[in-house]
Structure formats: structure tokens, C-alpha cells
Amino acid sequence: MEIDRHVPPPPPSAVPLPRKRERNHVAGSSPAQRGRCHASEARVTEGGSHIVTIARTWIGTPYVHQASIKHAGCDCLGLLRGVWRELHGDEPEATPPYSEDWSETTGEETLRNALARHLTEIATRDIAPGDIAIFRMSPHAPAKHCGIIASMESGSLTLIHTRQNKRVSEEPFTPFWQRKLAYAFRL
């Protein structure tokens, strides 16, 4: 069966964000205060394992800006939204339409702030499989790329995500990604 790569995104009213859980407030701390992740110390929780299992079912889904439909199309946020729906059902907040350069004009941490309303922020050094990672792709730009941390049998961390012109994939959580890690959240 061939997948149409040009699937239109769902209407904005159909694309809410994840639901709130108890918050471990780390907001406002600097990357140095939050620390680096310690891949060797990462432990897989039962919930984290389930999140990773669901995220892996999205592997191969083509990149489609603002979409969140497994095997048809999603962007990095659409992947998180789709995993949320499989875990918890309806998303609690509508995601407004956004351009590919969103947040860059205002400099606001739009993605971080939206996730902080609904998820538990954790120190980046405590990141583990099943956690949400948010990346700052340029040093002084807002953090606006995200993915789900996973692990291989060896215990090495991996990243499940999608980027423009790439399908959802799982790749090693290399020092390149670790340096860009700005925030982490736990479902």
C-alpha cells in the first residue's frame, strides 16, 4: 500500500496539546543548572517503556507540517500529539496554526511554555526513555524541535523524532543532540 505524501494537516481545532500532570518546576533554571543528561544513569520506567513502544509505531510516518496522523504524516509536535492521544485520549488544548519559523520573530519559548502547562518539567540530566526532549537548534533561538527519548538493549539512549523532509525515525542520542537539548518533560 502506497502512502500519499501530501496529506493535508487536520484543521487547527482538531490539534490540541497534552494534559496537565503534577509539575516539578524547573522553569527559569539555566541549562548549566539543569545539567547534562546522563545516558548511563537513565532508567526505563514502565510508563516510559509504554510511551516508547507507542512512539516506535510512528516510525516511517512522513513529515507533514502541522499534521498528526500515524502513517500519513506528522511534524515533530504532531508525533508528540499522536502519542499523547494513544496514551490519554483527547488533547486538552487546541494547537494554533504555526508557521515553520514560529517563535523566531518573538523569541518566546512557545513550545516549552505549552508543554509546561500540561507535563512535568524535569532536569535535562534526568532524562530517560519515554521523556520528551526539546531542542534549541541555534544557540540564541527559541527551542522548537522535539522528540521522544528511547533506548536500545545496550542501554544507549536514542531519539524518536521527525524533521522536515525526513520520516519519523529513531537515531542515536548523540552529543550533537545532547548539546542542543534545552528542556525535558515527563508524561
C-alpha atoms as a PDB file:
ATOM      1  CA  MET A   1       0.000   0.000   0.000  1.00  0.00           C
ATOM      2  CA  GLU A   2       1.445   3.359  -1.026  1.00  0.00           C
ATOM      3  CA  ILE A   3       1.069   6.373   1.269  1.00  0.00           C
ATOM      4  CA  ASP A   4       0.164   9.762  -0.179  1.00  0.00           C
ATOM      5  CA  ARG A   5       2.918  12.137   0.984  1.00  0.00           C
ATOM      6  CA  HIS A   6       0.751  15.215   0.522  1.00  0.00           C
ATOM      7  CA  VAL A   7      -1.832  14.648   3.235  1.00  0.00           C
ATOM      8  CA  PRO A   8      -3.337  17.975   4.329  1.00  0.00           C
ATOM      9  CA  PRO A   9      -2.977  18.773   8.025  1.00  0.00           C
ATOM     10  CA  PRO A  10      -6.030  18.422  10.230  1.00  0.00           C
ATOM     11  CA  PRO A  11      -7.958  21.626  10.966  1.00  0.00           C
ATOM     12  CA  PRO A  12      -6.485  23.652  13.867  1.00  0.00           C
ATOM     13  CA  SER A  13      -9.459  22.836  16.082  1.00  0.00           C
ATOM     14  CA  ALA A  14      -8.535  19.147  15.869  1.00  0.00           C
ATOM     15  CA  VAL A  15      -4.957  19.529  17.098  1.00  0.00           C
ATOM     16  CA  PRO A  16      -4.794  20.140  20.881  1.00  0.00           C
ATOM     17  CA  LEU A  17      -1.821  19.595  23.234  1.00  0.00           C
ATOM     18  CA  PRO A  18      -1.224  17.154  26.125  1.00  0.00           C
ATOM     19  CA  ARG A  19      -2.962  17.254  29.537  1.00  0.00           C
ATOM     20  CA  LYS A  20      -1.542  18.593  32.778  1.00  0.00           C
ATOM     21  CA  ARG A  21       0.109  16.455  35.425  1.00  0.00           C
ATOM     22  CA  GLU A  22       1.785  17.446  38.688  1.00  0.00           C
ATOM     23  CA  ARG A  23       4.688  19.776  37.881  1.00  0.00           C
ATOM     24  CA  ASN A  24       8.228  19.534  39.122  1.00  0.00           C
ATOM     25  CA  HIS A  25       9.067  23.172  38.445  1.00  0.00           C
ATOM     26  CA  VAL A  26      12.468  23.621  36.868  1.00  0.00           C
ATOM     27  CA  ALA A  27      11.440  26.599  34.766  1.00  0.00           C
ATOM     28  CA  GLY A  28      13.788  29.515  34.801  1.00  0.00           C
ATOM     29  CA  SER A  29      16.827  27.429  35.555  1.00  0.00           C
ATOM     30  CA  SER A  30      19.702  27.787  33.143  1.00  0.00           C
ATOM     31  CA  PRO A  31      20.971  24.859  31.057  1.00  0.00           C
ATOM     32  CA  ALA A  32      24.003  24.726  33.348  1.00  0.00           C
ATOM     33  CA  GLN A  33      21.757  24.446  36.418  1.00  0.00           C
ATOM     34  CA  ARG A  34      19.637  21.769  34.760  1.00  0.00           C
ATOM     35  CA  GLY A  35      22.805  19.861  33.852  1.00  0.00           C
ATOM     36  CA  ARG A  36      23.570  17.463  31.024  1.00  0.00           C
ATOM     37  CA  CYS A  37      21.780  14.174  30.608  1.00  0.00           C
ATOM     38  CA  HIS A  38      23.489  11.105  31.992  1.00  0.00           C
ATOM     39  CA  ALA A  39      22.706   8.351  29.490  1.00  0.00           C
ATOM     40  CA  SER A  40      24.383   5.698  31.624  1.00  0.00           C
ATOM     41  CA  GLU A  41      22.068   6.553  34.532  1.00  0.00           C
ATOM     42  CA  ALA A  42      18.830   6.502  32.516  1.00  0.00           C
ATOM     43  CA  ARG A  43      16.284   4.025  33.809  1.00  0.00           C
ATOM     44  CA  VAL A  44      13.280   2.828  31.856  1.00  0.00           C
ATOM     45  CA  THR A  45      10.066   3.116  33.844  1.00  0.00           C
ATOM     46  CA  GLU A  46       7.009   1.037  32.997  1.00  0.00           C
ATOM     47  CA  GLY A  47       5.241   4.164  31.716  1.00  0.00           C
ATOM     48  CA  GLY A  48       8.330   5.208  29.755  1.00  0.00           C
ATOM     49  CA  SER A  49       8.523   1.798  28.138  1.00  0.00           C
ATOM     50  CA  HIS A  50       4.881   2.060  27.028  1.00  0.00           C
ATOM     51  CA  ILE A  51       5.467   5.552  25.600  1.00  0.00           C
ATOM     52  CA  VAL A  52       8.484   4.303  23.631  1.00  0.00           C
ATOM     53  CA  THR A  53       6.502   1.332  22.314  1.00  0.00           C
ATOM     54  CA  ILE A  54       3.790   3.672  21.013  1.00  0.00           C
ATOM     55  CA  ALA A  55       6.321   6.155  19.568  1.00  0.00           C
ATOM     56  CA  ARG A  56       8.040   3.355  17.643  1.00  0.00           C
ATOM     57  CA  THR A  57       4.750   2.555  15.862  1.00  0.00           C
ATOM     58  CA  TRP A  58       5.041   6.022  14.262  1.00  0.00           C
ATOM     59  CA  ILE A  59       8.445   5.243  12.691  1.00  0.00           C
ATOM     60  CA  GLY A  60       8.220   5.674   8.923  1.00  0.00           C
ATOM     61  CA  THR A  61       5.447   8.277   9.078  1.00  0.00           C
ATOM     62  CA  PRO A  62       6.370  11.004   6.560  1.00  0.00           C
ATOM     63  CA  TYR A  63       6.994  14.591   7.608  1.00  0.00           C
ATOM     64  CA  VAL A  64       3.951  16.816   7.018  1.00  0.00           C
ATOM     65  CA  HIS A  65       3.952  20.264   8.648  1.00  0.00           C
ATOM     66  CA  GLN A  66       1.192  20.621  11.332  1.00  0.00           C
ATOM     67  CA  ALA A  67      -0.143  17.081  10.762  1.00  0.00           C
ATOM     68  CA  SER A  68      -0.535  14.346  13.388  1.00  0.00           C
ATOM     69  CA  ILE A  69      -1.791  11.214  11.621  1.00  0.00           C
ATOM     70  CA  LYS A  70       0.152   7.974  12.057  1.00  0.00           C
ATOM     71  CA  HIS A  71       1.497   6.536   8.761  1.00  0.00           C
ATOM     72  CA  ALA A  72       0.042   9.520   6.830  1.00  0.00           C
ATOM     73  CA  GLY A  73       2.025  12.493   8.134  1.00  0.00           C
ATOM     74  CA  CYS A  74       3.257  14.452  11.142  1.00  0.00           C
ATOM     75  CA  ASP A  75       5.810  17.001  12.232  1.00  0.00           C
ATOM     76  CA  CYS A  76       7.780  16.754  15.492  1.00  0.00           C
ATOM     77  CA  LEU A  77       4.936  18.219  17.570  1.00  0.00           C
ATOM     78  CA  GLY A  78       2.431  16.066  15.671  1.00  0.00           C
ATOM     79  CA  LEU A  79       4.362  12.973  16.776  1.00  0.00           C
ATOM     80  CA  LEU A  80       4.051  14.015  20.432  1.00  0.00           C
ATOM     81  CA  ARG A  81       0.365  14.820  19.993  1.00  0.00           C
ATOM     82  CA  GLY A  82      -0.295  11.448  18.360  1.00  0.00           C
ATOM     83  CA  VAL A  83       1.484   9.537  21.116  1.00  0.00           C
ATOM     84  CA  TRP A  84      -0.473  11.569  23.700  1.00  0.00           C
ATOM     85  CA  ARG A  85      -3.792  10.642  22.070  1.00  0.00           C
ATOM     86  CA  GLU A  86      -2.887   6.943  22.091  1.00  0.00           C
ATOM     87  CA  LEU A  87      -1.983   7.176  25.781  1.00  0.00           C
ATOM     88  CA  HIS A  88      -4.647   9.533  27.136  1.00  0.00           C
ATOM     89  CA  GLY A  89      -7.315  10.246  24.517  1.00  0.00           C
ATOM     90  CA  ASP A  90      -8.311  13.793  23.677  1.00  0.00           C
ATOM     91  CA  GLU A  91      -5.733  16.542  23.855  1.00  0.00           C
ATOM     92  CA  PRO A  92      -6.687  19.243  26.404  1.00  0.00           C
ATOM     93  CA  GLU A  93      -5.760  22.285  24.344  1.00  0.00           C
ATOM     94  CA  ALA A  94      -6.081  23.275  20.703  1.00  0.00           C
ATOM     95  CA  THR A  95      -2.808  23.837  18.897  1.00  0.00           C
ATOM     96  CA  PRO A  96      -2.997  27.063  16.910  1.00  0.00           C
ATOM     97  CA  PRO A  97      -1.730  27.086  13.332  1.00  0.00           C
ATOM     98  CA  TYR A  98       2.007  27.745  13.230  1.00  0.00           C
ATOM     99  CA  SER A  99       4.494  28.544  10.502  1.00  0.00           C
ATOM    100  CA  GLU A 100       7.804  26.785  10.054  1.00  0.00           C
ATOM    101  CA  ASP A 101       9.585  29.813  11.534  1.00  0.00           C
ATOM    102  CA  TRP A 102       7.221  30.232  14.503  1.00  0.00           C
ATOM    103  CA  SER A 103       8.637  31.749  17.696  1.00  0.00           C
ATOM    104  CA  GLU A 104      11.649  33.144  15.875  1.00  0.00           C
ATOM    105  CA  THR A 105      10.136  36.603  15.483  1.00  0.00           C
ATOM    106  CA  THR A 106       9.080  36.945  19.130  1.00  0.00           C
ATOM    107  CA  GLY A 107      11.853  34.913  20.753  1.00  0.00           C
ATOM    108  CA  GLU A 108       9.298  33.385  23.121  1.00  0.00           C
ATOM    109  CA  GLU A 109       9.657  29.783  24.304  1.00  0.00           C
ATOM    110  CA  THR A 110       6.235  28.892  22.891  1.00  0.00           C
ATOM    111  CA  LEU A 111       6.771  25.120  22.749  1.00  0.00           C
ATOM    112  CA  ARG A 112       8.360  24.921  26.202  1.00  0.00           C
ATOM    113  CA  ASN A 113       5.608  27.045  27.745  1.00  0.00           C
ATOM    114  CA  ALA A 114       2.831  24.994  26.131  1.00  0.00           C
ATOM    115  CA  LEU A 115       4.306  21.701  27.331  1.00  0.00           C
ATOM    116  CA  ALA A 116       4.902  23.153  30.816  1.00  0.00           C
ATOM    117  CA  ARG A 117       1.157  23.783  31.122  1.00  0.00           C
ATOM    118  CA  HIS A 118       0.442  20.076  30.733  1.00  0.00           C
ATOM    119  CA  LEU A 119       3.523  17.991  31.558  1.00  0.00           C
ATOM    120  CA  THR A 120       6.071  17.695  34.339  1.00  0.00           C
ATOM    121  CA  GLU A 121       9.299  19.530  33.549  1.00  0.00           C
ATOM    122  CA  ILE A 122      12.410  17.648  34.673  1.00  0.00           C
ATOM    123  CA  ALA A 123      16.106  18.455  34.746  1.00  0.00           C
ATOM    124  CA  THR A 124      17.721  17.541  31.436  1.00  0.00           C
ATOM    125  CA  ARG A 125      20.298  15.459  33.327  1.00  0.00           C
ATOM    126  CA  ASP A 126      17.430  13.196  34.500  1.00  0.00           C
ATOM    127  CA  ILE A 127      16.133  12.410  31.015  1.00  0.00           C
ATOM    128  CA  ALA A 128      15.122   8.783  30.499  1.00  0.00           C
ATOM    129  CA  PRO A 129      13.300   6.660  27.922  1.00  0.00           C
ATOM    130  CA  GLY A 130       9.747   7.885  27.430  1.00  0.00           C
ATOM    131  CA  ASP A 131      10.611  11.513  28.238  1.00  0.00           C
ATOM    132  CA  ILE A 132      10.044  14.428  25.870  1.00  0.00           C
ATOM    133  CA  ALA A 133      13.169  16.293  24.749  1.00  0.00           C
ATOM    134  CA  ILE A 134      13.011  19.857  23.400  1.00  0.00           C
ATOM    135  CA  PHE A 135      15.919  21.187  21.405  1.00  0.00           C
ATOM    136  CA  ARG A 136      17.277  24.644  20.659  1.00  0.00           C
ATOM    137  CA  MET A 137      18.604  24.290  17.108  1.00  0.00           C
ATOM    138  CA  SER A 138      20.515  27.608  17.198  1.00  0.00           C
ATOM    139  CA  PRO A 139      22.224  28.953  20.331  1.00  0.00           C
ATOM    140  CA  HIS A 140      20.081  32.081  20.788  1.00  0.00           C
ATOM    141  CA  ALA A 141      16.871  30.903  19.130  1.00  0.00           C
ATOM    142  CA  PRO A 142      13.801  29.539  20.924  1.00  0.00           C
ATOM    143  CA  ALA A 143      13.659  25.786  21.489  1.00  0.00           C
ATOM    144  CA  LYS A 144      11.315  24.477  18.816  1.00  0.00           C
ATOM    145  CA  HIS A 145      12.219  20.905  17.903  1.00  0.00           C
ATOM    146  CA  CYS A 146      11.090  17.950  19.983  1.00  0.00           C
ATOM    147  CA  GLY A 147      11.234  14.192  20.160  1.00  0.00           C
ATOM    148  CA  ILE A 148      10.836  11.225  22.468  1.00  0.00           C
ATOM    149  CA  ILE A 149      13.796   9.621  24.199  1.00  0.00           C
ATOM    150  CA  ALA A 150      14.101   5.843  23.839  1.00  0.00           C
ATOM    151  CA  SER A 151      16.873   3.320  24.411  1.00  0.00           C
ATOM    152  CA  MET A 152      18.476   0.328  22.783  1.00  0.00           C
ATOM    153  CA  GLU A 153      19.015  -3.015  24.529  1.00  0.00           C
ATOM    154  CA  SER A 154      22.578  -1.868  25.264  1.00  0.00           C
ATOM    155  CA  GLY A 155      21.134   0.976  27.344  1.00  0.00           C
ATOM    156  CA  SER A 156      22.302   3.695  24.945  1.00  0.00           C
ATOM    157  CA  LEU A 157      19.742   6.453  24.554  1.00  0.00           C
ATOM    158  CA  THR A 158      18.078   7.088  21.212  1.00  0.00           C
ATOM    159  CA  LEU A 159      15.777   9.799  19.872  1.00  0.00           C
ATOM    160  CA  ILE A 160      12.491   9.199  18.058  1.00  0.00           C
ATOM    161  CA  HIS A 161      11.569  12.295  16.019  1.00  0.00           C
ATOM    162  CA  THR A 162      10.899  13.708  12.580  1.00  0.00           C
ATOM    163  CA  ARG A 163      12.312  16.691  10.775  1.00  0.00           C
ATOM    164  CA  GLN A 164      11.476  18.480   7.553  1.00  0.00           C
ATOM    165  CA  ASN A 165      11.865  16.134   4.580  1.00  0.00           C
ATOM    166  CA  LYS A 166      12.501  13.150   6.894  1.00  0.00           C
ATOM    167  CA  ARG A 167      10.204  10.419   8.112  1.00  0.00           C
ATOM    168  CA  VAL A 168       9.801   9.620  11.802  1.00  0.00           C
ATOM    169  CA  SER A 169      12.936   7.691  12.728  1.00  0.00           C
ATOM    170  CA  GLU A 170      14.944   6.513  15.708  1.00  0.00           C
ATOM    171  CA  GLU A 171      18.576   7.525  15.854  1.00  0.00           C
ATOM    172  CA  PRO A 172      21.319   7.588  18.498  1.00  0.00           C
ATOM    173  CA  PHE A 173      21.020  10.388  21.052  1.00  0.00           C
ATOM    174  CA  THR A 174      24.455  11.668  20.111  1.00  0.00           C
ATOM    175  CA  PRO A 175      26.463  14.535  21.627  1.00  0.00           C
ATOM    176  CA  PHE A 176      25.099  16.695  18.756  1.00  0.00           C
ATOM    177  CA  TRP A 177      21.562  16.287  20.143  1.00  0.00           C
ATOM    178  CA  GLN A 178      22.688  16.405  23.775  1.00  0.00           C
ATOM    179  CA  ARG A 179      24.306  19.830  23.204  1.00  0.00           C
ATOM    180  CA  LYS A 180      21.074  21.156  21.701  1.00  0.00           C
ATOM    181  CA  LEU A 181      18.859  19.784  24.487  1.00  0.00           C
ATOM    182  CA  ALA A 182      17.158  22.760  26.156  1.00  0.00           C
ATOM    183  CA  TYR A 183      14.289  21.256  28.178  1.00  0.00           C
ATOM    184  CA  ALA A 184      12.902  17.870  29.183  1.00  0.00           C
ATOM    185  CA  PHE A 185       9.413  16.807  30.247  1.00  0.00           C
ATOM    186  CA  ARG A 186       7.891  13.644  31.655  1.00  0.00           C
ATOM    187  CA  LEU A 187       4.393  12.458  30.764  1.00  0.00           C
END
